[in-house]
Amino acid sequence: ANARELQRRYALEIQQRIATAKERCQSWEAKDLAAAEAKIRFLTLSSEQSLASEQCNAEEKLRAARQTAESNLAANLSEEARLQVAVQGLRSQAETARAETLR
């Protein structure tokens, strides 16, 4: 009877140890899962912030390029107008010289 009682106690203790080990594992798994989910949220947020930053930089570069293009266009139009005035002046001088030559 004593051996049976020892065997029963030993079996009960083993079952309790197994149950405790299972609880610990489940606790660790839950912690690992929570940590993994937190890391995924962090990486997702970081990626979104990085993309938003890249988009802002691209938009700023586009604005700057557009501004430069508009400025260059204005300068070119101004130069073209100046050259047209100069050409008109030269034509006028040429006509005056031709008229004087014909006199």
C-alpha atoms as a PDB file:
ATOM      1  CA  ALA A   1       0.000   0.000   0.000  1.00  0.00           C
ATOM      2  CA  ASN A   2       2.886   2.314   0.803  1.00  0.00           C
ATOM      3  CA  ALA A   3       4.444   1.783  -2.615  1.00  0.00           C
ATOM      4  CA  ARG A   4       1.119   2.499  -4.296  1.00  0.00           C
ATOM      5  CA  GLU A   5       0.694   5.697  -2.275  1.00  0.00           C
ATOM      6  CA  LEU A   6       4.221   6.812  -3.256  1.00  0.00           C
ATOM      7  CA  GLN A   7       3.519   5.944  -6.865  1.00  0.00           C
ATOM      8  CA  ARG A   8       0.229   7.904  -6.782  1.00  0.00           C
ATOM      9  CA  ARG A   9       1.925  10.933  -5.171  1.00  0.00           C
ATOM     10  CA  TYR A  10       4.756  10.744  -7.687  1.00  0.00           C
ATOM     11  CA  ALA A  11       2.250  10.595 -10.587  1.00  0.00           C
ATOM     12  CA  LEU A  12       0.295  13.537  -9.105  1.00  0.00           C
ATOM     13  CA  GLU A  13       3.490  15.577  -8.682  1.00  0.00           C
ATOM     14  CA  ILE A  14       4.501  14.825 -12.289  1.00  0.00           C
ATOM     15  CA  GLN A  15       1.036  15.930 -13.496  1.00  0.00           C
ATOM     16  CA  GLN A  16       1.337  19.148 -11.491  1.00  0.00           C
ATOM     17  CA  ARG A  17       4.801  19.817 -12.919  1.00  0.00           C
ATOM     18  CA  ILE A  18       3.510  19.183 -16.437  1.00  0.00           C
ATOM     19  CA  ALA A  19       0.578  21.566 -15.825  1.00  0.00           C
ATOM     20  CA  THR A  20       2.925  24.236 -14.431  1.00  0.00           C
ATOM     21  CA  ALA A  21       5.301  23.819 -17.376  1.00  0.00           C
ATOM     22  CA  LYS A  22       2.371  24.128 -19.803  1.00  0.00           C
ATOM     23  CA  GLU A  23       1.221  27.325 -18.069  1.00  0.00           C
ATOM     24  CA  ARG A  24       4.743  28.765 -18.280  1.00  0.00           C
ATOM     25  CA  CYS A  25       4.993  27.861 -21.967  1.00  0.00           C
ATOM     26  CA  GLN A  26       1.627  29.422 -22.693  1.00  0.00           C
ATOM     27  CA  SER A  27       2.691  32.531 -20.789  1.00  0.00           C
ATOM     28  CA  TRP A  28       5.968  32.730 -22.746  1.00  0.00           C
ATOM     29  CA  GLU A  29       4.120  32.114 -26.009  1.00  0.00           C
ATOM     30  CA  ALA A  30       1.677  34.907 -25.177  1.00  0.00           C
ATOM     31  CA  LYS A  31       4.560  37.247 -24.319  1.00  0.00           C
ATOM     32  CA  ASP A  32       6.421  36.274 -27.513  1.00  0.00           C
ATOM     33  CA  LEU A  33       3.269  36.787 -29.546  1.00  0.00           C
ATOM     34  CA  ALA A  34       2.615  40.183 -27.960  1.00  0.00           C
ATOM     35  CA  ALA A  35       6.221  41.207 -28.596  1.00  0.00           C
ATOM     36  CA  ALA A  36       6.007  40.065 -32.218  1.00  0.00           C
ATOM     37  CA  GLU A  37       2.752  41.976 -32.719  1.00  0.00           C
ATOM     38  CA  ALA A  38       4.291  45.096 -31.155  1.00  0.00           C
ATOM     39  CA  LYS A  39       7.314  44.785 -33.436  1.00  0.00           C
ATOM     40  CA  ILE A  40       5.052  44.406 -36.478  1.00  0.00           C
ATOM     41  CA  ARG A  41       3.098  47.525 -35.439  1.00  0.00           C
ATOM     42  CA  PHE A  42       6.359  49.428 -34.924  1.00  0.00           C
ATOM     43  CA  LEU A  43       7.780  48.341 -38.288  1.00  0.00           C
ATOM     44  CA  THR A  44       4.511  49.163 -40.040  1.00  0.00           C
ATOM     45  CA  LEU A  45       4.440  52.610 -38.457  1.00  0.00           C
ATOM     46  CA  SER A  46       8.112  53.153 -39.291  1.00  0.00           C
ATOM     47  CA  SER A  47       7.479  52.132 -42.900  1.00  0.00           C
ATOM     48  CA  GLU A  48       4.495  54.455 -43.162  1.00  0.00           C
ATOM     49  CA  GLN A  49       6.507  57.337 -41.697  1.00  0.00           C
ATOM     50  CA  SER A  50       9.394  56.592 -44.041  1.00  0.00           C
ATOM     51  CA  LEU A  51       7.075  56.526 -47.049  1.00  0.00           C
ATOM     52  CA  ALA A  52       5.421  59.764 -45.945  1.00  0.00           C
ATOM     53  CA  SER A  53       8.838  61.376 -45.540  1.00  0.00           C
ATOM     54  CA  GLU A  54       9.952  60.156 -48.969  1.00  0.00           C
ATOM     55  CA  GLN A  55       6.724  61.463 -50.479  1.00  0.00           C
ATOM     56  CA  CYS A  56       7.252  64.878 -48.846  1.00  0.00           C
ATOM     57  CA  ASN A  57      10.821  64.978 -50.167  1.00  0.00           C
ATOM     58  CA  ALA A  58       9.662  64.021 -53.663  1.00  0.00           C
ATOM     59  CA  GLU A  59       6.920  66.652 -53.585  1.00  0.00           C
ATOM     60  CA  GLU A  60       9.415  69.282 -52.406  1.00  0.00           C
ATOM     61  CA  LYS A  61      11.841  68.338 -55.207  1.00  0.00           C
ATOM     62  CA  LEU A  62       8.981  68.501 -57.705  1.00  0.00           C
ATOM     63  CA  ARG A  63       7.965  71.957 -56.432  1.00  0.00           C
ATOM     64  CA  ALA A  64      11.562  73.147 -56.679  1.00  0.00           C
ATOM     65  CA  ALA A  65      11.948  71.714 -60.185  1.00  0.00           C
ATOM     66  CA  ARG A  66       8.672  73.304 -61.284  1.00  0.00           C
ATOM     67  CA  GLN A  67       9.739  76.635 -59.803  1.00  0.00           C
ATOM     68  CA  THR A  68      13.102  76.421 -61.580  1.00  0.00           C
ATOM     69  CA  ALA A  69      11.404  75.533 -64.866  1.00  0.00           C
ATOM     70  CA  GLU A  70       8.975  78.446 -64.519  1.00  0.00           C
ATOM     71  CA  SER A  71      11.833  80.791 -63.662  1.00  0.00           C
ATOM     72  CA  ASN A  72      13.870  79.566 -66.653  1.00  0.00           C
ATOM     73  CA  LEU A  73      10.838  79.945 -68.909  1.00  0.00           C
ATOM     74  CA  ALA A  74      10.287  83.511 -67.703  1.00  0.00           C
ATOM     75  CA  ALA A  75      13.961  84.304 -68.266  1.00  0.00           C
ATOM     76  CA  ASN A  76      13.841  82.771 -71.754  1.00  0.00           C
ATOM     77  CA  LEU A  77      10.690  84.710 -72.645  1.00  0.00           C
ATOM     78  CA  SER A  78      12.290  87.893 -71.335  1.00  0.00           C
ATOM     79  CA  GLU A  79      15.421  87.231 -73.393  1.00  0.00           C
ATOM     80  CA  GLU A  80      13.311  86.463 -76.462  1.00  0.00           C
ATOM     81  CA  ALA A  81      11.398  89.744 -76.029  1.00  0.00           C
ATOM     82  CA  ARG A  82      14.676  91.646 -75.617  1.00  0.00           C
ATOM     83  CA  LEU A  83      16.079  90.025 -78.765  1.00  0.00           C
ATOM     84  CA  GLN A  84      12.896  90.818 -80.715  1.00  0.00           C
ATOM     85  CA  VAL A  85      13.227  94.482 -79.697  1.00  0.00           C
ATOM     86  CA  ALA A  86      16.886  94.433 -80.740  1.00  0.00           C
ATOM     87  CA  VAL A  87      16.059  92.794 -84.094  1.00  0.00           C
ATOM     88  CA  GLN A  88      13.289  95.352 -84.666  1.00  0.00           C
ATOM     89  CA  GLY A  89      15.783  98.136 -83.916  1.00  0.00           C
ATOM     90  CA  LEU A  90      18.297  96.668 -86.367  1.00  0.00           C
ATOM     91  CA  ARG A  91      15.621  96.351 -89.069  1.00  0.00           C
ATOM     92  CA  SER A  92      14.639  99.943 -88.496  1.00  0.00           C
ATOM     93  CA  GLN A  93      18.279 101.051 -88.783  1.00  0.00           C
ATOM     94  CA  ALA A  94      18.677  98.976 -91.949  1.00  0.00           C
ATOM     95  CA  GLU A  95      15.580 100.550 -93.506  1.00  0.00           C
ATOM     96  CA  THR A  96      16.810 104.025 -92.566  1.00  0.00           C
ATOM     97  CA  ALA A  97      20.224 103.295 -94.073  1.00  0.00           C
ATOM     98  CA  ARG A  98      18.607 101.919 -97.247  1.00  0.00           C
ATOM     99  CA  ALA A  99      16.352 104.951 -97.545  1.00  0.00           C
ATOM    100  CA  GLU A 100      19.351 107.270 -97.142  1.00  0.00           C
ATOM    101  CA  THR A 101      21.286 105.300 -99.699  1.00  0.00           C
ATOM    102  CA  LEU A 102      18.466 105.618-102.231  1.00  0.00           C
ATOM    103  CA  ARG A 103      18.327 109.411-101.868  1.00  0.00           C
END
